[in-house]
């Protein structure tokens, strides 16, 4: 997936918005005011940071060389994936879905209910 494909997939989630608190080159995708994805590009290679359950995050790091502990994030819960062509697109989409679901799950009930409307 290229940068724009990642960005569009994230922004297609209900309630997803894009924010730039760290500068124009760091796209932060949020739901309910909480980040679920962070997109950057280094040397024309997209990188996406996603939230995951700690055990699953470690498993992904062991399975894929392109998946590292979250850059400048809580390394127990966040991974950064380098989109170098080695990661299966459907798996990356699944990781985005999981990150979104984990963040939504942590939102207040009223905010979650609003997303379903």
N, C-alpha and C. Protein backbone atom coordinates (compact mmCIF):
# COMPACT_ATOMS: atom_id res chain seq x y z
N UNK A 1 0.85 -1.19 0.00
CA UNK A 1 0.00 0.00 0.00
C UNK A 1 0.89 1.24 0.00
N UNK A 2 0.49 2.22 -0.79
CA UNK A 2 1.24 3.47 -0.77
C UNK A 2 0.65 4.41 0.28
N UNK A 3 1.27 5.57 0.42
CA UNK A 3 0.88 6.51 1.47
C UNK A 3 -0.60 6.89 1.36
N UNK A 4 -1.04 7.27 0.16
CA UNK A 4 -2.41 7.71 -0.02
C UNK A 4 -3.42 6.58 0.20
N UNK A 5 -3.08 5.37 -0.17
CA UNK A 5 -3.97 4.24 0.09
C UNK A 5 -4.14 4.02 1.59
N UNK A 6 -3.04 4.09 2.33
CA UNK A 6 -3.10 3.96 3.79
C UNK A 6 -3.96 5.07 4.39
N UNK A 7 -3.70 6.29 3.95
CA UNK A 7 -4.43 7.45 4.46
C UNK A 7 -5.93 7.32 4.18
N UNK A 8 -6.29 6.97 2.96
CA UNK A 8 -7.71 6.83 2.60
C UNK A 8 -8.38 5.72 3.39
N UNK A 9 -7.67 4.59 3.57
CA UNK A 9 -8.25 3.48 4.32
C UNK A 9 -8.53 3.90 5.77
N UNK A 10 -7.59 4.60 6.37
CA UNK A 10 -7.78 5.06 7.76
C UNK A 10 -8.94 6.06 7.86
N UNK A 11 -8.97 7.00 6.93
CA UNK A 11 -9.99 8.05 6.99
C UNK A 11 -11.38 7.56 6.63
N UNK A 12 -11.49 6.37 6.06
CA UNK A 12 -12.79 5.79 5.73
C UNK A 12 -13.50 5.22 6.97
N UNK A 13 -12.79 5.11 8.06
CA UNK A 13 -13.38 4.59 9.30
C UNK A 13 -14.39 5.60 9.87
N UNK A 14 -15.49 5.13 10.43
CA UNK A 14 -16.49 6.05 11.00
C UNK A 14 -15.88 6.99 12.04
N UNK A 15 -16.09 8.29 11.85
CA UNK A 15 -15.62 9.28 12.81
C UNK A 15 -14.15 9.64 12.69
N UNK A 16 -13.43 9.06 11.74
CA UNK A 16 -11.99 9.32 11.62
C UNK A 16 -11.75 10.72 11.08
N UNK A 17 -10.78 11.39 11.68
CA UNK A 17 -10.35 12.71 11.21
C UNK A 17 -8.83 12.74 11.15
N UNK A 18 -8.33 13.67 10.37
CA UNK A 18 -6.88 13.84 10.21
C UNK A 18 -6.47 15.11 10.95
N UNK A 19 -5.34 15.02 11.66
CA UNK A 19 -4.83 16.14 12.43
C UNK A 19 -3.32 16.22 12.21
N UNK A 20 -2.74 17.40 12.47
CA UNK A 20 -1.31 17.59 12.24
C UNK A 20 -0.63 18.24 13.45
N UNK A 21 -0.74 17.63 14.64
CA UNK A 21 -0.16 18.24 15.84
C UNK A 21 1.37 18.22 15.85
N UNK A 22 2.00 17.40 15.02
CA UNK A 22 3.46 17.27 15.01
C UNK A 22 4.09 17.87 13.76
N UNK A 23 3.32 18.61 12.98
CA UNK A 23 3.83 19.23 11.76
C UNK A 23 3.14 18.67 10.53
N UNK A 24 3.35 19.36 9.41
CA UNK A 24 2.66 19.02 8.16
C UNK A 24 3.02 17.65 7.60
N UNK A 25 4.15 17.10 7.98
CA UNK A 25 4.59 15.82 7.40
C UNK A 25 4.22 14.61 8.25
N UNK A 26 3.50 14.84 9.34
CA UNK A 26 3.05 13.74 10.21
C UNK A 26 1.53 13.78 10.29
N UNK A 27 0.91 12.81 9.63
CA UNK A 27 -0.55 12.73 9.59
C UNK A 27 -1.03 11.86 10.75
N UNK A 28 -1.77 12.47 11.67
CA UNK A 28 -2.31 11.75 12.82
C UNK A 28 -3.79 11.51 12.53
N UNK A 29 -4.20 10.25 12.54
CA UNK A 29 -5.59 9.90 12.28
C UNK A 29 -6.21 9.54 13.62
N UNK A 30 -7.32 10.23 13.94
CA UNK A 30 -7.96 10.09 15.25
C UNK A 30 -9.42 9.70 15.10
N UNK A 31 -9.93 9.11 16.17
CA UNK A 31 -11.36 8.88 16.32
C UNK A 31 -11.71 9.27 17.75
N UNK A 32 -12.76 10.06 17.90
CA UNK A 32 -13.14 10.51 19.24
C UNK A 32 -12.05 11.26 19.95
N UNK A 33 -11.19 11.94 19.20
CA UNK A 33 -10.09 12.71 19.79
C UNK A 33 -8.87 11.89 20.16
N UNK A 34 -8.88 10.59 19.89
CA UNK A 34 -7.76 9.70 20.24
C UNK A 34 -7.10 9.15 18.96
N UNK A 35 -5.79 9.11 18.97
CA UNK A 35 -5.04 8.63 17.81
C UNK A 35 -5.16 7.12 17.65
N UNK A 36 -5.42 6.66 16.41
CA UNK A 36 -5.35 5.24 16.13
C UNK A 36 -4.34 4.93 15.02
N UNK A 37 -3.87 5.95 14.31
CA UNK A 37 -2.84 5.74 13.28
C UNK A 37 -2.01 7.01 13.13
N UNK A 38 -0.75 6.81 12.84
CA UNK A 38 0.17 7.92 12.58
C UNK A 38 0.91 7.58 11.30
N UNK A 39 0.83 8.46 10.31
CA UNK A 39 1.44 8.21 9.00
C UNK A 39 2.54 9.21 8.72
N UNK A 40 3.69 8.69 8.29
CA UNK A 40 4.79 9.53 7.86
C UNK A 40 5.41 8.89 6.62
N UNK A 41 6.31 9.64 6.00
CA UNK A 41 7.03 9.11 4.86
C UNK A 41 8.50 9.44 5.04
N UNK A 42 9.34 8.42 4.96
CA UNK A 42 10.78 8.61 5.09
C UNK A 42 11.44 8.05 3.84
N UNK A 43 12.18 8.92 3.15
CA UNK A 43 12.85 8.53 1.90
C UNK A 43 11.85 7.89 0.93
N UNK A 44 10.67 8.47 0.84
CA UNK A 44 9.59 8.05 -0.06
C UNK A 44 9.00 6.68 0.28
N UNK A 45 9.26 6.21 1.50
CA UNK A 45 8.67 4.95 1.96
C UNK A 45 7.69 5.28 3.08
N UNK A 46 6.40 4.93 2.91
CA UNK A 46 5.42 5.21 3.96
C UNK A 46 5.70 4.37 5.22
N UNK A 47 5.43 4.98 6.35
CA UNK A 47 5.49 4.30 7.65
C UNK A 47 4.16 4.57 8.34
N UNK A 48 3.60 3.53 8.96
CA UNK A 48 2.36 3.69 9.69
C UNK A 48 2.53 3.10 11.09
N UNK A 49 2.15 3.89 12.08
CA UNK A 49 2.18 3.42 13.47
C UNK A 49 0.75 3.12 13.90
N UNK A 50 0.59 1.94 14.51
CA UNK A 50 -0.74 1.46 14.88
C UNK A 50 -0.72 0.87 16.28
N UNK A 51 -1.84 1.00 16.95
CA UNK A 51 -2.00 0.43 18.28
C UNK A 51 -2.33 -1.05 18.16
N UNK A 52 -1.86 -1.84 19.11
CA UNK A 52 -2.16 -3.26 19.13
C UNK A 52 -2.11 -3.79 20.55
N UNK A 53 -2.61 -4.97 20.73
CA UNK A 53 -2.49 -5.61 22.03
C UNK A 53 -1.03 -6.05 22.20
N UNK A 54 -0.47 -5.90 23.39
CA UNK A 54 0.97 -6.13 23.59
C UNK A 54 1.50 -7.45 23.03
N UNK A 55 0.82 -8.55 23.29
CA UNK A 55 1.32 -9.85 22.83
C UNK A 55 1.30 -9.93 21.30
N UNK A 56 0.23 -9.39 20.71
CA UNK A 56 0.11 -9.39 19.25
C UNK A 56 1.17 -8.49 18.62
N UNK A 57 1.43 -7.35 19.24
CA UNK A 57 2.45 -6.43 18.72
C UNK A 57 3.82 -7.09 18.69
N UNK A 58 4.14 -7.81 19.75
CA UNK A 58 5.43 -8.52 19.80
C UNK A 58 5.50 -9.62 18.75
N UNK A 59 4.41 -10.32 18.55
CA UNK A 59 4.36 -11.38 17.55
C UNK A 59 4.62 -10.81 16.15
N UNK A 60 4.02 -9.68 15.84
CA UNK A 60 4.22 -9.06 14.52
C UNK A 60 5.68 -8.65 14.33
N UNK A 61 6.30 -8.13 15.37
CA UNK A 61 7.71 -7.74 15.28
C UNK A 61 8.60 -8.94 15.02
N UNK A 62 8.25 -10.07 15.61
CA UNK A 62 9.04 -11.29 15.41
C UNK A 62 8.82 -11.87 14.02
N UNK A 63 7.62 -11.69 13.48
CA UNK A 63 7.27 -12.27 12.19
C UNK A 63 7.76 -11.44 11.00
N UNK A 64 7.77 -10.12 11.15
CA UNK A 64 8.09 -9.23 10.02
C UNK A 64 9.23 -8.28 10.37
N UNK A 65 10.27 -8.28 9.54
CA UNK A 65 11.39 -7.35 9.74
C UNK A 65 10.95 -5.89 9.59
N UNK A 66 9.90 -5.64 8.81
CA UNK A 66 9.43 -4.27 8.55
C UNK A 66 8.58 -3.71 9.69
N UNK A 67 8.31 -4.51 10.71
CA UNK A 67 7.51 -4.05 11.85
C UNK A 67 8.44 -3.88 13.06
N UNK A 68 8.44 -2.66 13.58
CA UNK A 68 9.31 -2.31 14.70
C UNK A 68 8.47 -1.74 15.85
N UNK A 69 9.04 -1.66 17.05
CA UNK A 69 8.32 -0.98 18.14
C UNK A 69 7.97 0.45 17.72
N UNK A 70 6.85 0.94 18.18
CA UNK A 70 6.37 2.27 17.80
C UNK A 70 7.41 3.36 18.01
N UNK A 71 7.68 4.11 16.97
CA UNK A 71 8.66 5.20 17.01
C UNK A 71 8.08 6.36 17.82
N UNK A 72 8.73 6.72 18.91
CA UNK A 72 8.29 7.78 19.82
C UNK A 72 6.92 7.50 20.43
N UNK A 73 6.56 6.23 20.57
CA UNK A 73 5.27 5.84 21.14
C UNK A 73 5.51 4.77 22.20
N UNK A 74 4.48 4.44 22.95
CA UNK A 74 4.57 3.38 23.95
C UNK A 74 4.85 2.06 23.21
N UNK A 75 6.05 1.56 23.34
CA UNK A 75 6.49 0.40 22.57
C UNK A 75 5.78 -0.89 22.96
N UNK A 76 5.12 -0.89 24.08
CA UNK A 76 4.36 -2.07 24.49
C UNK A 76 3.06 -2.19 23.68
N UNK A 77 2.49 -1.05 23.30
CA UNK A 77 1.19 -1.04 22.64
C UNK A 77 1.22 -0.61 21.17
N UNK A 78 2.32 -0.03 20.72
CA UNK A 78 2.36 0.54 19.36
C UNK A 78 3.49 -0.07 18.53
N UNK A 79 3.18 -0.32 17.26
CA UNK A 79 4.16 -0.77 16.28
C UNK A 79 4.22 0.25 15.15
N UNK A 80 5.38 0.35 14.54
CA UNK A 80 5.55 1.14 13.32
C UNK A 80 5.93 0.18 12.21
N UNK A 81 5.12 0.17 11.15
CA UNK A 81 5.36 -0.70 10.00
C UNK A 81 5.90 0.11 8.84
N UNK A 82 7.03 -0.34 8.31
CA UNK A 82 7.63 0.28 7.13
C UNK A 82 7.02 -0.40 5.91
N UNK A 83 6.34 0.38 5.09
CA UNK A 83 5.63 -0.17 3.94
C UNK A 83 6.59 -0.32 2.76
N UNK A 84 7.48 -1.29 2.91
CA UNK A 84 8.55 -1.52 1.93
C UNK A 84 8.18 -2.57 0.87
N UNK A 85 6.93 -3.01 0.88
CA UNK A 85 6.48 -4.01 -0.08
C UNK A 85 6.50 -5.43 0.46
N UNK A 86 7.03 -5.60 1.67
CA UNK A 86 7.15 -6.96 2.23
C UNK A 86 5.93 -7.36 3.06
N UNK A 87 5.04 -6.42 3.34
CA UNK A 87 3.89 -6.71 4.20
C UNK A 87 2.63 -6.92 3.36
N UNK A 88 1.91 -8.00 3.61
CA UNK A 88 0.67 -8.26 2.86
C UNK A 88 -0.37 -7.17 3.12
N UNK A 89 -0.95 -6.64 2.04
CA UNK A 89 -1.92 -5.54 2.15
C UNK A 89 -3.09 -5.89 3.05
N UNK A 90 -3.63 -7.08 2.92
CA UNK A 90 -4.80 -7.45 3.73
C UNK A 90 -4.44 -7.51 5.22
N UNK A 91 -3.22 -7.92 5.52
CA UNK A 91 -2.80 -7.94 6.93
C UNK A 91 -2.69 -6.52 7.48
N UNK A 92 -2.11 -5.63 6.69
CA UNK A 92 -1.97 -4.24 7.13
C UNK A 92 -3.35 -3.64 7.37
N UNK A 93 -4.30 -3.91 6.48
CA UNK A 93 -5.67 -3.43 6.68
C UNK A 93 -6.25 -4.00 7.98
N UNK A 94 -5.98 -5.24 8.25
CA UNK A 94 -6.43 -5.86 9.50
C UNK A 94 -5.82 -5.19 10.72
N UNK A 95 -4.55 -4.80 10.63
CA UNK A 95 -3.90 -4.11 11.75
C UNK A 95 -4.52 -2.73 11.96
N UNK A 96 -4.85 -2.05 10.86
CA UNK A 96 -5.51 -0.75 10.96
C UNK A 96 -6.87 -0.93 11.63
N UNK A 97 -7.62 -1.94 11.18
CA UNK A 97 -8.94 -2.23 11.77
C UNK A 97 -8.81 -2.48 13.27
N UNK A 98 -7.83 -3.28 13.65
CA UNK A 98 -7.63 -3.60 15.07
C UNK A 98 -7.29 -2.34 15.87
N UNK A 99 -6.40 -1.52 15.35
CA UNK A 99 -6.01 -0.30 16.04
C UNK A 99 -7.23 0.60 16.25
N UNK A 100 -8.02 0.75 15.21
CA UNK A 100 -9.25 1.55 15.29
C UNK A 100 -10.18 0.98 16.36
N UNK A 101 -10.40 -0.33 16.33
CA UNK A 101 -11.30 -0.99 17.28
C UNK A 101 -10.83 -0.83 18.72
N UNK A 102 -9.52 -0.96 18.94
CA UNK A 102 -8.98 -0.81 20.29
C UNK A 102 -9.20 0.61 20.82
N UNK A 103 -9.00 1.60 19.96
CA UNK A 103 -9.18 2.98 20.39
C UNK A 103 -10.67 3.26 20.63
N UNK A 104 -11.53 2.82 19.73
CA UNK A 104 -12.98 3.02 19.91
C UNK A 104 -13.45 2.36 21.20
N UNK A 105 -12.95 1.18 21.47
CA UNK A 105 -13.33 0.44 22.68
C UNK A 105 -13.01 1.25 23.95
N UNK A 106 -11.96 2.05 23.91
CA UNK A 106 -11.55 2.85 25.06
C UNK A 106 -12.26 4.19 25.19
N UNK A 107 -13.10 4.53 24.20
CA UNK A 107 -13.82 5.80 24.25
C UNK A 107 -15.02 5.69 25.20
N UNK A 108 -15.50 6.83 25.64
CA UNK A 108 -16.70 6.86 26.47
C UNK A 108 -17.88 6.32 25.66
N UNK A 109 -18.81 5.70 26.37
CA UNK A 109 -19.95 5.07 25.72
C UNK A 109 -20.72 6.05 24.83
N UNK A 110 -20.90 7.25 25.28
CA UNK A 110 -21.65 8.25 24.50
C UNK A 110 -20.94 8.53 23.17
N UNK A 111 -19.63 8.58 23.19
CA UNK A 111 -18.86 8.83 21.96
C UNK A 111 -18.96 7.61 21.05
N UNK A 112 -18.84 6.41 21.62
CA UNK A 112 -18.99 5.18 20.82
C UNK A 112 -20.36 5.13 20.17
N UNK A 113 -21.40 5.43 20.93
CA UNK A 113 -22.76 5.40 20.40
C UNK A 113 -22.94 6.38 19.26
N UNK A 114 -22.31 7.54 19.38
CA UNK A 114 -22.40 8.57 18.34
C UNK A 114 -21.76 8.07 17.03
N UNK A 115 -20.71 7.30 17.13
CA UNK A 115 -20.04 6.76 15.94
C UNK A 115 -20.95 5.80 15.17
N UNK A 116 -21.83 5.13 15.87
CA UNK A 116 -22.71 4.15 15.23
C UNK A 116 -23.90 4.80 14.53
N UNK A 117 -24.14 6.09 14.78
CA UNK A 117 -25.28 6.78 14.17
C UNK A 117 -24.99 7.19 12.74
